[in-house]
PDB file of N, CA and C in Angstrom:
ATOM      1  N   MET A   1      11.876 -13.159 -16.814  1.00  0.00           N
ATOM      2  CA  MET A   1      12.437 -11.998 -16.142  1.00  0.00           C
ATOM      3  C   MET A   1      12.315 -12.219 -14.629  1.00  0.00           C
ATOM      4  N   ASP A   2      13.415 -12.085 -13.922  1.00  0.00           N
ATOM      5  CA  ASP A   2      13.374 -12.274 -12.474  1.00  0.00           C
ATOM      6  C   ASP A   2      13.032 -10.955 -11.769  1.00  0.00           C
ATOM      7  N   ILE A   3      12.846 -11.046 -10.467  1.00  0.00           N
ATOM      8  CA  ILE A   3      12.399  -9.881  -9.706  1.00  0.00           C
ATOM      9  C   ILE A   3      13.422  -8.746  -9.741  1.00  0.00           C
ATOM     10  N   ALA A   4      14.704  -9.071  -9.776  1.00  0.00           N
ATOM     11  CA  ALA A   4      15.734  -8.023  -9.854  1.00  0.00           C
ATOM     12  C   ALA A   4      15.595  -7.242 -11.156  1.00  0.00           C
ATOM     13  N   GLU A   5      15.328  -7.943 -12.244  1.00  0.00           N
ATOM     14  CA  GLU A   5      15.148  -7.266 -13.531  1.00  0.00           C
ATOM     15  C   GLU A   5      13.899  -6.392 -13.530  1.00  0.00           C
ATOM     16  N   ARG A   6      12.838  -6.869 -12.879  1.00  0.00           N
ATOM     17  CA  ARG A   6      11.611  -6.055 -12.795  1.00  0.00           C
ATOM     18  C   ARG A   6      11.867  -4.791 -11.973  1.00  0.00           C
ATOM     19  N   ILE A   7      12.602  -4.920 -10.881  1.00  0.00           N
ATOM     20  CA  ILE A   7      12.915  -3.742 -10.063  1.00  0.00           C
ATOM     21  C   ILE A   7      13.796  -2.778 -10.855  1.00  0.00           C
ATOM     22  N   ASN A   8      14.735  -3.302 -11.609  1.00  0.00           N
ATOM     23  CA  ASN A   8      15.561  -2.436 -12.462  1.00  0.00           C
ATOM     24  C   ASN A   8      14.718  -1.700 -13.496  1.00  0.00           C
ATOM     25  N   GLN A   9      13.672  -2.338 -14.007  1.00  0.00           N
ATOM     26  CA  GLN A   9      12.765  -1.665 -14.942  1.00  0.00           C
ATOM     27  C   GLN A   9      12.067  -0.489 -14.259  1.00  0.00           C
ATOM     28  N   ILE A  10      11.676  -0.675 -13.011  1.00  0.00           N
ATOM     29  CA  ILE A  10      11.020   0.397 -12.256  1.00  0.00           C
ATOM     30  C   ILE A  10      11.994   1.557 -12.070  1.00  0.00           C
ATOM     31  N   ILE A  11      13.221   1.246 -11.690  1.00  0.00           N
ATOM     32  CA  ILE A  11      14.248   2.279 -11.504  1.00  0.00           C
ATOM     33  C   ILE A  11      14.442   3.054 -12.800  1.00  0.00           C
ATOM     34  N   ASP A  12      14.543   2.340 -13.922  1.00  0.00           N
ATOM     35  CA  ASP A  12      14.716   2.996 -15.225  1.00  0.00           C
ATOM     36  C   ASP A  12      13.505   3.857 -15.580  1.00  0.00           C
ATOM     37  N   ARG A  13      12.316   3.326 -15.353  1.00  0.00           N
ATOM     38  CA  ARG A  13      11.095   4.075 -15.697  1.00  0.00           C
ATOM     39  C   ARG A  13      11.014   5.377 -14.911  1.00  0.00           C
ATOM     40  N   GLU A  14      11.451   5.329 -13.664  1.00  0.00           N
ATOM     41  CA  GLU A  14      11.417   6.514 -12.809  1.00  0.00           C
ATOM     42  C   GLU A  14      12.603   7.442 -13.061  1.00  0.00           C
ATOM     43  N   GLY A  15      13.583   6.981 -13.829  1.00  0.00           N
ATOM     44  CA  GLY A  15      14.764   7.799 -14.111  1.00  0.00           C
ATOM     45  C   GLY A  15      15.639   8.027 -12.889  1.00  0.00           C
ATOM     46  N   LEU A  16      15.719   7.012 -12.035  1.00  0.00           N
ATOM     47  CA  LEU A  16      16.469   7.127 -10.783  1.00  0.00           C
ATOM     48  C   LEU A  16      17.780   6.355 -10.854  1.00  0.00           C
ATOM     49  N   THR A  17      18.695   6.725  -9.980  1.00  0.00           N
ATOM     50  CA  THR A  17      19.890   5.918  -9.758  1.00  0.00           C
ATOM     51  C   THR A  17      19.541   4.905  -8.667  1.00  0.00           C
ATOM     52  N   VAL A  18      20.400   3.940  -8.470  1.00  0.00           N
ATOM     53  CA  VAL A  18      20.169   2.962  -7.403  1.00  0.00           C
ATOM     54  C   VAL A  18      20.090   3.676  -6.053  1.00  0.00           C
ATOM     55  N   ALA A  19      20.990   4.632  -5.827  1.00  0.00           N
ATOM     56  CA  ALA A  19      21.013   5.356  -4.547  1.00  0.00           C
ATOM     57  C   ALA A  19      19.743   6.178  -4.348  1.00  0.00           C
ATOM     58  N   SER A  20      19.299   6.892  -5.381  1.00  0.00           N
ATOM     59  CA  SER A  20      18.096   7.721  -5.228  1.00  0.00           C
ATOM     60  C   SER A  20      16.846   6.849  -5.098  1.00  0.00           C
ATOM     61  N   PHE A  21      16.836   5.707  -5.764  1.00  0.00           N
ATOM     62  CA  PHE A  21      15.731   4.758  -5.629  1.00  0.00           C
ATOM     63  C   PHE A  21      15.671   4.237  -4.193  1.00  0.00           C
ATOM     64  N   ALA A  22      16.827   3.871  -3.641  1.00  0.00           N
ATOM     65  CA  ALA A  22      16.887   3.365  -2.265  1.00  0.00           C
ATOM     66  C   ALA A  22      16.340   4.400  -1.285  1.00  0.00           C
ATOM     67  N   ARG A  23      16.765   5.654  -1.447  1.00  0.00           N
ATOM     68  CA  ARG A  23      16.262   6.722  -0.568  1.00  0.00           C
ATOM     69  C   ARG A  23      14.751   6.876  -0.718  1.00  0.00           C
ATOM     70  N   LYS A  24      14.284   6.830  -1.947  1.00  0.00           N
ATOM     71  CA  LYS A  24      12.859   7.052  -2.213  1.00  0.00           C
ATOM     72  C   LYS A  24      11.984   5.985  -1.559  1.00  0.00           C
ATOM     73  N   ILE A  25      12.439   4.729  -1.574  1.00  0.00           N
ATOM     74  CA  ILE A  25      11.619   3.676  -0.966  1.00  0.00           C
ATOM     75  C   ILE A  25      11.988   3.405   0.490  1.00  0.00           C
ATOM     76  N   GLY A  26      12.998   4.103   0.992  1.00  0.00           N
ATOM     77  CA  GLY A  26      13.330   4.006   2.412  1.00  0.00           C
ATOM     78  C   GLY A  26      14.086   2.754   2.813  1.00  0.00           C
ATOM     79  N   VAL A  27      14.950   2.264   1.926  1.00  0.00           N
ATOM     80  CA  VAL A  27      15.814   1.134   2.292  1.00  0.00           C
ATOM     81  C   VAL A  27      17.257   1.519   2.006  1.00  0.00           C
ATOM     82  N   GLY A  28      18.178   0.764   2.536  1.00  0.00           N
ATOM     83  CA  GLY A  28      19.590   1.082   2.380  1.00  0.00           C
ATOM     84  C   GLY A  28      20.085   0.902   0.951  1.00  0.00           C
ATOM     85  N   ASP A  29      21.006   1.747   0.584  1.00  0.00           N
ATOM     86  CA  ASP A  29      21.633   1.712  -0.739  1.00  0.00           C
ATOM     87  C   ASP A  29      22.237   0.330  -1.006  1.00  0.00           C
ATOM     88  N   GLN A  30      22.947  -0.221  -0.024  1.00  0.00           N
ATOM     89  CA  GLN A  30      23.586  -1.529  -0.201  1.00  0.00           C
ATOM     90  C   GLN A  30      22.555  -2.646  -0.371  1.00  0.00           C
ATOM     91  N   THR A  31      21.406  -2.489   0.269  1.00  0.00           N
ATOM     92  CA  THR A  31      20.336  -3.475   0.111  1.00  0.00           C
ATOM     93  C   THR A  31      19.877  -3.518  -1.336  1.00  0.00           C
ATOM     94  N   VAL A  32      19.628  -2.339  -1.905  1.00  0.00           N
ATOM     95  CA  VAL A  32      19.185  -2.270  -3.300  1.00  0.00           C
ATOM     96  C   VAL A  32      20.279  -2.790  -4.227  1.00  0.00           C
ATOM     97  N   ARG A  33      21.523  -2.419  -3.963  1.00  0.00           N
ATOM     98  CA  ARG A  33      22.633  -2.889  -4.808  1.00  0.00           C
ATOM     99  C   ARG A  33      22.752  -4.417  -4.780  1.00  0.00           C
ATOM    100  N   SER A  34      22.595  -5.001  -3.593  1.00  0.00           N
ATOM    101  CA  SER A  34      22.738  -6.458  -3.494  1.00  0.00           C
ATOM    102  C   SER A  34      21.602  -7.191  -4.208  1.00  0.00           C
ATOM    103  N   VAL A  35      20.444  -6.537  -4.326  1.00  0.00           N
ATOM    104  CA  VAL A  35      19.309  -7.138  -5.027  1.00  0.00           C
ATOM    105  C   VAL A  35      19.384  -6.882  -6.528  1.00  0.00           C
ATOM    106  N   CYS A  36      19.603  -5.624  -6.907  1.00  0.00           N
ATOM    107  CA  CYS A  36      19.455  -5.216  -8.312  1.00  0.00           C
ATOM    108  C   CYS A  36      20.737  -5.244  -9.130  1.00  0.00           C
ATOM    109  N   VAL A  37      21.846  -4.955  -8.522  1.00  0.00           N
ATOM    110  CA  VAL A  37      23.104  -4.875  -9.270  1.00  0.00           C
ATOM    111  C   VAL A  37      23.888  -6.179  -9.130  1.00  0.00           C
ATOM    112  N   LEU A  38      24.165  -6.559  -7.895  1.00  0.00           N
ATOM    113  CA  LEU A  38      24.962  -7.761  -7.645  1.00  0.00           C
ATOM    114  C   LEU A  38      24.142  -9.047  -7.736  1.00  0.00           C
ATOM    115  N   LYS A  39      22.836  -8.925  -7.536  1.00  0.00           N
ATOM    116  CA  LYS A  39      21.894 -10.056  -7.568  1.00  0.00           C
ATOM    117  C   LYS A  39      22.295 -11.159  -6.590  1.00  0.00           C
ATOM    118  N   ARG A  40      22.794 -10.739  -5.421  1.00  0.00           N
ATOM    119  CA  ARG A  40      23.175 -11.694  -4.374  1.00  0.00           C
ATOM    120  C   ARG A  40      21.979 -12.096  -3.527  1.00  0.00           C
ATOM    121  N   ASN A  41      21.034 -11.164  -3.358  1.00  0.00           N
ATOM    122  CA  ASN A  41      19.894 -11.388  -2.475  1.00  0.00           C
ATOM    123  C   ASN A  41      18.593 -11.135  -3.208  1.00  0.00           C
ATOM    124  N   LYS A  42      17.521 -11.649  -2.628  1.00  0.00           N
ATOM    125  CA  LYS A  42      16.171 -11.345  -3.090  1.00  0.00           C
ATOM    126  C   LYS A  42      15.610 -10.279  -2.154  1.00  0.00           C
ATOM    127  N   PRO A  43      14.717  -9.433  -2.650  1.00  0.00           N
ATOM    128  CA  PRO A  43      14.157  -8.399  -1.781  1.00  0.00           C
ATOM    129  C   PRO A  43      13.280  -9.011  -0.692  1.00  0.00           C
ATOM    130  N   GLY A  44      13.363  -8.435   0.499  1.00  0.00           N
ATOM    131  CA  GLY A  44      12.558  -8.899   1.617  1.00  0.00           C
ATOM    132  C   GLY A  44      11.238  -8.159   1.717  1.00  0.00           C
ATOM    133  N   PHE A  45      10.508  -8.455   2.769  1.00  0.00           N
ATOM    134  CA  PHE A  45       9.176  -7.882   2.970  1.00  0.00           C
ATOM    135  C   PHE A  45       9.201  -6.360   2.994  1.00  0.00           C
ATOM    136  N   GLU A  46      10.081  -5.769   3.813  1.00  0.00           N
ATOM    137  CA  GLU A  46      10.122  -4.309   3.939  1.00  0.00           C
ATOM    138  C   GLU A  46      10.434  -3.656   2.593  1.00  0.00           C
ATOM    139  N   PHE A  47      11.396  -4.192   1.869  1.00  0.00           N
ATOM    140  CA  PHE A  47      11.782  -3.672   0.556  1.00  0.00           C
ATOM    141  C   PHE A  47      10.562  -3.659  -0.370  1.00  0.00           C
ATOM    142  N   LEU A  48       9.896  -4.812  -0.500  1.00  0.00           N
ATOM    143  CA  LEU A  48       8.772  -4.924  -1.427  1.00  0.00           C
ATOM    144  C   LEU A  48       7.570  -4.106  -0.979  1.00  0.00           C
ATOM    145  N   SER A  49       7.301  -4.114   0.307  1.00  0.00           N
ATOM    146  CA  SER A  49       6.185  -3.328   0.833  1.00  0.00           C
ATOM    147  C   SER A  49       6.397  -1.842   0.565  1.00  0.00           C
ATOM    148  N   ASN A  50       7.587  -1.345   0.859  1.00  0.00           N
ATOM    149  CA  ASN A  50       7.895   0.071   0.610  1.00  0.00           C
ATOM    150  C   ASN A  50       7.822   0.396  -0.877  1.00  0.00           C
ATOM    151  N   LEU A  51       8.320  -0.501  -1.704  1.00  0.00           N
ATOM    152  CA  LEU A  51       8.301  -0.301  -3.153  1.00  0.00           C
ATOM    153  C   LEU A  51       6.865  -0.145  -3.658  1.00  0.00           C
ATOM    154  N   ILE A  52       6.005  -1.061  -3.270  1.00  0.00           N
ATOM    155  CA  ILE A  52       4.614  -1.056  -3.734  1.00  0.00           C
ATOM    156  C   ILE A  52       3.861   0.161  -3.211  1.00  0.00           C
ATOM    157  N   GLN A  53       4.153   0.578  -1.984  1.00  0.00           N
ATOM    158  CA  GLN A  53       3.471   1.745  -1.418  1.00  0.00           C
ATOM    159  C   GLN A  53       3.987   3.056  -1.995  1.00  0.00           C
ATOM    160  N   THR A  54       5.247   3.096  -2.402  1.00  0.00           N
ATOM    161  CA  THR A  54       5.845   4.329  -2.921  1.00  0.00           C
ATOM    162  C   THR A  54       5.353   4.660  -4.319  1.00  0.00           C
ATOM    163  N   PHE A  55       5.260   3.663  -5.164  1.00  0.00           N
ATOM    164  CA  PHE A  55       4.882   3.893  -6.560  1.00  0.00           C
ATOM    165  C   PHE A  55       3.445   3.433  -6.778  1.00  0.00           C
ATOM    166  N   GLU A  56       2.519   4.370  -6.692  1.00  0.00           N
ATOM    167  CA  GLU A  56       1.094   4.046  -6.764  1.00  0.00           C
ATOM    168  C   GLU A  56       0.678   3.498  -8.120  1.00  0.00           C
ATOM    169  N   TRP A  57       1.425   3.786  -9.150  1.00  0.00           N
ATOM    170  CA  TRP A  57       1.106   3.303 -10.496  1.00  0.00           C
ATOM    171  C   TRP A  57       1.512   1.847 -10.702  1.00  0.00           C
ATOM    172  N   LEU A  58       2.271   1.313  -9.770  1.00  0.00           N
ATOM    173  CA  LEU A  58       2.895   0.001  -9.912  1.00  0.00           C
ATOM    174  C   LEU A  58       1.925  -1.135  -9.588  1.00  0.00           C
ATOM    175  N   ASN A  59       1.913  -2.144 -10.438  1.00  0.00           N
ATOM    176  CA  ASN A  59       1.081  -3.329 -10.235  1.00  0.00           C
ATOM    177  C   ASN A  59       1.835  -4.305  -9.324  1.00  0.00           C
ATOM    178  N   PRO A  60       1.367  -4.502  -8.086  1.00  0.00           N
ATOM    179  CA  PRO A  60       2.071  -5.378  -7.145  1.00  0.00           C
ATOM    180  C   PRO A  60       2.184  -6.822  -7.630  1.00  0.00           C
ATOM    181  N   VAL A  61       1.180  -7.297  -8.343  1.00  0.00           N
ATOM    182  CA  VAL A  61       1.222  -8.670  -8.853  1.00  0.00           C
ATOM    183  C   VAL A  61       2.371  -8.816  -9.846  1.00  0.00           C
ATOM    184  N   TRP A  62       2.552  -7.824 -10.695  1.00  0.00           N
ATOM    185  CA  TRP A  62       3.657  -7.855 -11.661  1.00  0.00           C
ATOM    186  C   TRP A  62       5.001  -7.857 -10.929  1.00  0.00           C
ATOM    187  N   VAL A  63       5.121  -7.025  -9.899  1.00  0.00           N
ATOM    188  CA  VAL A  63       6.386  -6.959  -9.150  1.00  0.00           C
ATOM    189  C   VAL A  63       6.738  -8.337  -8.593  1.00  0.00           C
ATOM    190  N   LEU A  64       5.772  -8.995  -7.977  1.00  0.00           N
ATOM    191  CA  LEU A  64       6.041 -10.261  -7.295  1.00  0.00           C
ATOM    192  C   LEU A  64       6.157 -11.455  -8.228  1.00  0.00           C
ATOM    193  N   THR A  65       5.339 -11.473  -9.292  1.00  0.00           N
ATOM    194  CA  THR A  65       5.265 -12.680 -10.119  1.00  0.00           C
ATOM    195  C   THR A  65       5.689 -12.484 -11.569  1.00  0.00           C
ATOM    196  N   GLY A  66       5.679 -11.242 -12.029  1.00  0.00           N
ATOM    197  CA  GLY A  66       5.956 -10.978 -13.438  1.00  0.00           C
ATOM    198  C   GLY A  66       4.726 -11.119 -14.310  1.00  0.00           C
ATOM    199  N   LYS A  67       3.583 -11.434 -13.716  1.00  0.00           N
ATOM    200  CA  LYS A  67       2.337 -11.609 -14.477  1.00  0.00           C
ATOM    201  C   LYS A  67       1.609 -10.278 -14.597  1.00  0.00           C
ATOM    202  N   GLY A  68       1.003 -10.064 -15.749  1.00  0.00           N
ATOM    203  CA  GLY A  68       0.262  -8.830 -15.968  1.00  0.00           C
ATOM    204  C   GLY A  68       1.182  -7.723 -16.448  1.00  0.00           C
ATOM    205  N   GLU A  69       0.688  -6.513 -16.350  1.00  0.00           N
ATOM    206  CA  GLU A  69       1.430  -5.333 -16.795  1.00  0.00           C
ATOM    207  C   GLU A  69       2.102  -4.651 -15.614  1.00  0.00           C
ATOM    208  N   MET A  70       3.197  -3.965 -15.882  1.00  0.00           N
ATOM    209  CA  MET A  70       3.905  -3.243 -14.827  1.00  0.00           C
ATOM    210  C   MET A  70       3.040  -2.113 -14.269  1.00  0.00           C
ATOM    211  N   VAL A  71       2.351  -1.405 -15.146  1.00  0.00           N
ATOM    212  CA  VAL A  71       1.562  -0.240 -14.745  1.00  0.00           C
ATOM    213  C   VAL A  71       0.111  -0.658 -14.559  1.00  0.00           C
ATOM    214  N   LEU A  72      -0.464  -0.234 -13.432  1.00  0.00           N
ATOM    215  CA  LEU A  72      -1.869  -0.527 -13.165  1.00  0.00           C
ATOM    216  C   LEU A  72      -2.759   0.164 -14.178  1.00  0.00           C
ATOM    217  N   ASP A  73      -3.831  -0.495 -14.545  1.00  0.00           N
ATOM    218  CA  ASP A  73      -4.847   0.080 -15.417  1.00  0.00           C
ATOM    219  C   ASP A  73      -5.683   1.032 -14.564  1.00  0.00           C
ATOM    220  N   SER A  74      -5.635   2.313 -14.878  1.00  0.00           N
ATOM    221  CA  SER A  74      -6.330   3.302 -14.044  1.00  0.00           C
ATOM    222  C   SER A  74      -7.841   3.123 -14.083  1.00  0.00           C
ATOM    223  N   ASP A  75      -8.377   2.500 -15.140  1.00  0.00           N
ATOM    224  CA  ASP A  75      -9.825   2.270 -15.216  1.00  0.00           C
ATOM    225  C   ASP A  75     -10.278   1.195 -14.241  1.00  0.00           C
ATOM    226  N   ARG A  76      -9.413   0.257 -13.963  1.00  0.00           N
ATOM    227  CA  ARG A  76      -9.760  -0.850 -13.075  1.00  0.00           C
ATOM    228  C   ARG A  76      -9.010  -0.756 -11.770  1.00  0.00           C
ATOM    229  N   ASN A  77      -8.845   0.318 -11.199  1.00  0.00           N
ATOM    230  CA  ASN A  77      -8.009   0.555 -10.020  1.00  0.00           C
ATOM    231  C   ASN A  77      -7.887  -0.670  -9.120  1.00  0.00           C
ATOM    232  N   GLU A  78      -6.967  -1.542  -9.498  1.00  0.00           N
ATOM    233  CA  GLU A  78      -6.740  -2.783  -8.762  1.00  0.00           C
ATOM    234  C   GLU A  78      -6.208  -2.527  -7.361  1.00  0.00           C
ATOM    235  N   ARG A  79      -5.667  -1.356  -7.111  1.00  0.00           N
ATOM    236  CA  ARG A  79      -5.094  -1.025  -5.812  1.00  0.00           C
ATOM    237  C   ARG A  79      -6.138  -0.929  -4.718  1.00  0.00           C
ATOM    238  N   CYS A  80      -7.361  -0.659  -5.075  1.00  0.00           N
ATOM    239  CA  CYS A  80      -8.392  -0.426  -4.071  1.00  0.00           C
ATOM    240  C   CYS A  80      -8.842  -1.703  -3.378  1.00  0.00           C
ATOM    241  N   SER A  81      -8.558  -2.817  -3.953  1.00  0.00           N
ATOM    242  CA  SER A  81      -9.006  -4.068  -3.375  1.00  0.00           C
ATOM    243  C   SER A  81      -8.170  -4.410  -2.145  1.00  0.00           C
ATOM    244  N   GLY A  82      -8.787  -4.278  -0.983  1.00  0.00           N
ATOM    245  CA  GLY A  82      -8.106  -4.622   0.259  1.00  0.00           C
ATOM    246  C   GLY A  82      -7.727  -6.090   0.302  1.00  0.00           C
ATOM    247  N   ASP A  83      -8.559  -6.936  -0.337  1.00  0.00           N
ATOM    248  CA  ASP A  83      -8.267  -8.368  -0.375  1.00  0.00           C
ATOM    249  C   ASP A  83      -6.967  -8.639  -1.117  1.00  0.00           C
ATOM    250  N   SER A  84      -6.744  -7.929  -2.220  1.00  0.00           N
ATOM    251  CA  SER A  84      -5.521  -8.126  -3.004  1.00  0.00           C
ATOM    252  C   SER A  84      -4.294  -7.767  -2.181  1.00  0.00           C
ATOM    253  N   VAL A  85      -4.367  -6.645  -1.492  1.00  0.00           N
ATOM    254  CA  VAL A  85      -3.242  -6.204  -0.665  1.00  0.00           C
ATOM    255  C   VAL A  85      -3.005  -7.210   0.455  1.00  0.00           C
ATOM    256  N   ALA A  86      -4.078  -7.663   1.074  1.00  0.00           N
ATOM    257  CA  ALA A  86      -3.946  -8.639   2.159  1.00  0.00           C
ATOM    258  C   ALA A  86      -3.307  -9.930   1.654  1.00  0.00           C
ATOM    259  N   GLU A  87      -3.698 -10.360   0.455  1.00  0.00           N
ATOM    260  CA  GLU A  87      -3.108 -11.567  -0.122  1.00  0.00           C
ATOM    261  C   GLU A  87      -1.620 -11.378  -0.386  1.00  0.00           C
ATOM    262  N   LEU A  88      -1.250 -10.208  -0.893  1.00  0.00           N
ATOM    263  CA  LEU A  88       0.161  -9.938  -1.167  1.00  0.00           C
ATOM    264  C   LEU A  88       0.977  -9.893   0.121  1.00  0.00           C
ATOM    265  N   VAL A  89       0.427  -9.265   1.149  1.00  0.00           N
ATOM    266  CA  VAL A  89       1.123  -9.205   2.440  1.00  0.00           C
ATOM    267  C   VAL A  89       1.299 -10.620   2.986  1.00  0.00           C
ATOM    268  N   LYS A  90       0.251 -11.431   2.886  1.00  0.00           N
ATOM    269  CA  LYS A  90       0.333 -12.818   3.353  1.00  0.00           C
ATOM    270  C   LYS A  90       1.410 -13.575   2.573  1.00  0.00           C
ATOM    271  N   TYR A  91       1.439 -13.390   1.260  1.00  0.00           N
ATOM    272  CA  TYR A  91       2.440 -14.044   0.414  1.00  0.00           C
ATOM    273  C   TYR A  91       3.850 -13.646   0.832  1.00  0.00           C
ATOM    274  N   LEU A  92       4.064 -12.358   1.051  1.00  0.00           N
ATOM    275  CA  LEU A  92       5.389 -11.872   1.433  1.00  0.00           C
ATOM    276  C   LEU A  92       5.809 -12.414   2.794  1.00  0.00           C
ATOM    277  N   ARG A  93       4.888 -12.451   3.731  1.00  0.00           N
ATOM    278  CA  ARG A  93       5.216 -12.986   5.066  1.00  0.00           C
ATOM    279  C   ARG A  93       5.573 -14.466   4.984  1.00  0.00           C
ATOM    280  N   GLU A  94       4.798 -15.217   4.190  1.00  0.00           N
ATOM    281  CA  GLU A  94       5.091 -16.640   4.029  1.00  0.00           C
ATOM    282  C   GLU A  94       6.464 -16.844   3.392  1.00  0.00           C
ATOM    283  N   LYS A  95       6.786 -15.988   2.426  1.00  0.00           N
ATOM    284  CA  LYS A  95       8.093 -16.068   1.763  1.00  0.00           C
ATOM    285  C   LYS A  95       9.206 -15.823   2.771  1.00  0.00           C
ATOM    286  N   ASP A  96       9.055 -14.795   3.597  1.00  0.00           N
ATOM    287  CA  ASP A  96      10.076 -14.494   4.603  1.00  0.00           C
ATOM    288  C   ASP A  96      10.210 -15.625   5.622  1.00  0.00           C
ATOM    289  N   GLU A  97       9.073 -16.213   6.023  1.00  0.00           N
ATOM    290  CA  GLU A  97       9.120 -17.327   6.970  1.00  0.00           C
ATOM    291  C   GLU A  97       9.850 -18.525   6.360  1.00  0.00           C
ATOM    292  N   LYS A  98       9.597 -18.786   5.087  1.00  0.00           N
ATOM    293  CA  LYS A  98      10.273 -19.899   4.409  1.00  0.00           C
ATOM    294  C   LYS A  98      11.777 -19.646   4.344  1.00  0.00           C
ATOM    295  N   ILE A  99      12.163 -18.426   4.052  1.00  0.00           N
ATOM    296  CA  ILE A  99      13.586 -18.077   4.001  1.00  0.00           C
ATOM    297  C   ILE A  99      14.224 -18.306   5.362  1.00  0.00           C
ATOM    298  N   GLU A 100      13.552 -17.874   6.419  1.00  0.00           N
ATOM    299  CA  GLU A 100      14.081 -18.071   7.774  1.00  0.00           C
ATOM    300  C   GLU A 100      14.249 -19.557   8.087  1.00  0.00           C
ATOM    301  N   ARG A 101      13.255 -20.369   7.712  1.00  0.00           N
ATOM    302  CA  ARG A 101      13.353 -21.818   7.950  1.00  0.00           C
ATOM    303  C   ARG A 101      14.532 -22.416   7.188  1.00  0.00           C
ATOM    304  N   LEU A 102      14.716 -21.983   5.957  1.00  0.00           N
ATOM    305  CA  LEU A 102      15.827 -22.505   5.153  1.00  0.00           C
ATOM    306  C   LEU A 102      17.180 -22.101   5.737  1.00  0.00           C
ATOM    307  N   ILE A 103      17.271 -20.882   6.247  1.00  0.00           N
ATOM    308  CA  ILE A 103      18.513 -20.430   6.882  1.00  0.00           C
ATOM    309  C   ILE A 103      18.807 -21.278   8.115  1.00  0.00           C
ATOM    310  N   GLU A 104      17.767 -21.520   8.924  1.00  0.00           N
ATOM    311  CA  GLU A 104      17.947 -22.345  10.118  1.00  0.00           C
ATOM    312  C   GLU A 104      18.369 -23.767   9.741  1.00  0.00           C
ATOM    313  N   GLU A 105      17.738 -24.309   8.711  1.00  0.00           N
ATOM    314  CA  GLU A 105      18.074 -25.660   8.262  1.00  0.00           C
ATOM    315  C   GLU A 105      19.514 -25.720   7.754  1.00  0.00           C
ATOM    316  N   LYS A 106      19.915 -24.725   7.003  1.00  0.00           N
ATOM    317  CA  LYS A 106      21.286 -24.675   6.481  1.00  0.00           C
ATOM    318  C   LYS A 106      22.285 -24.605   7.634  1.00  0.00           C
ATOM    319  N   THR A 107      21.984 -23.781   8.622  1.00  0.00           N
ATOM    320  CA  THR A 107      22.865 -23.643   9.781  1.00  0.00           C
ATOM    321  C   THR A 107      22.987 -24.972  10.519  1.00  0.00           C
ATOM    322  N   THR A 108      21.868 -25.655  10.698  1.00  0.00           N
ATOM    323  CA  THR A 108      21.875 -26.954  11.373  1.00  0.00           C
ATOM    324  C   THR A 108      22.741 -27.953  10.618  1.00  0.00           C
ATOM    325  N   TRP A 109      22.575 -28.021   9.300  1.00  0.00           N
ATOM    326  CA  TRP A 109      23.375 -28.945   8.493  1.00  0.00           C
ATOM    327  C   TRP A 109      24.852 -28.578   8.518  1.00  0.00           C
ATOM    328  N   LYS A 110      25.134 -27.298   8.521  1.00  0.00           N
ATOM    329  CA  LYS A 110      26.530 -26.852   8.561  1.00  0.00           C
ATOM    330  C   LYS A 110      27.186 -27.281   9.874  1.00  0.00           C
ATOM    331  N   ILE A 111      26.471 -27.100  10.976  1.00  0.00           N
ATOM    332  CA  ILE A 111      26.998 -27.492  12.292  1.00  0.00           C
ATOM    333  C   ILE A 111      27.234 -29.001  12.332  1.00  0.00           C
ATOM    334  N   LYS A 112      26.261 -29.772  11.822  1.00  0.00           N
ATOM    335  CA  LYS A 112      26.417 -31.233  11.805  1.00  0.00           C
ATOM    336  C   LYS A 112      27.620 -31.640  10.962  1.00  0.00           C
ATOM    337  N   TYR A 113      27.790 -30.996   9.824  1.00  0.00           N
ATOM    338  CA  TYR A 113      28.919 -31.309   8.944  1.00  0.00           C
ATOM    339  C   TYR A 113      30.242 -30.999   9.633  1.00  0.00           C
ATOM    340  N   GLU A 114      30.314 -29.833  10.266  1.00  0.00           N
ATOM    341  CA  GLU A 114      31.550 -29.440  10.941  1.00  0.00           C
ATOM    342  C   GLU A 114      31.879 -30.382  12.090  1.00  0.00           C
ATOM    343  N   MET A 115      30.850 -30.872  12.783  1.00  0.00           N
ATOM    344  CA  MET A 115      31.073 -31.795  13.895  1.00  0.00           C
ATOM    345  C   MET A 115      31.588 -33.144  13.395  1.00  0.00           C
ATOM    346  N   THR A 116      31.076 -33.592  12.256  1.00  0.00           N
ATOM    347  CA  THR A 116      31.489 -34.906  11.743  1.00  0.00           C
ATOM    348  C   THR A 116      32.815 -34.858  11.006  1.00  0.00           C
ATOM    349  N   SER A 117      33.146 -33.700  10.450  1.00  0.00           N
ATOM    350  CA  SER A 117      34.401 -33.614   9.695  1.00  0.00           C
ATOM    351  C   SER A 117      35.563 -33.136  10.558  1.00  0.00           C
ATOM    352  N   GLY A 118      35.278 -32.721  11.778  1.00  0.00           N
ATOM    353  CA  GLY A 118      36.332 -32.304  12.697  1.00  0.00           C
ATOM    354  C   GLY A 118      36.865 -30.913  12.446  1.00  0.00           C
ATOM    355  N   GLU A 119      36.129 -30.089  11.711  1.00  0.00           N
ATOM    356  CA  GLU A 119      36.595 -28.717  11.430  1.00  0.00           C
ATOM    357  C   GLU A 119      36.358 -27.804  12.593  1.00  0.00           C
TER     358      GLU A 119
END
């Protein structure tokens, strides 16, 4: 199950539409549509951070990796661990940095290709 499918499960569990889900987590409707419906993009840091902070019952590890259960075990309140949150934030930042590097690399290769092909 990919991250878009996991986010769709959250939307279904909450009984929300894509638009109402977007409003609830504070991101644009088109952003959610491009991630969950069209599957053109992966969610970025702000999307995931808002999602995890909005739904307190949600297991952040499950959202990011698919490991574990979707719903946090209330007996073991995993949310309280500041280390876990810090690790997730670090993971998300590293992911965004990698995406930026890949975009820059793609742009560089595209420019080189256009220069050599005469386009």
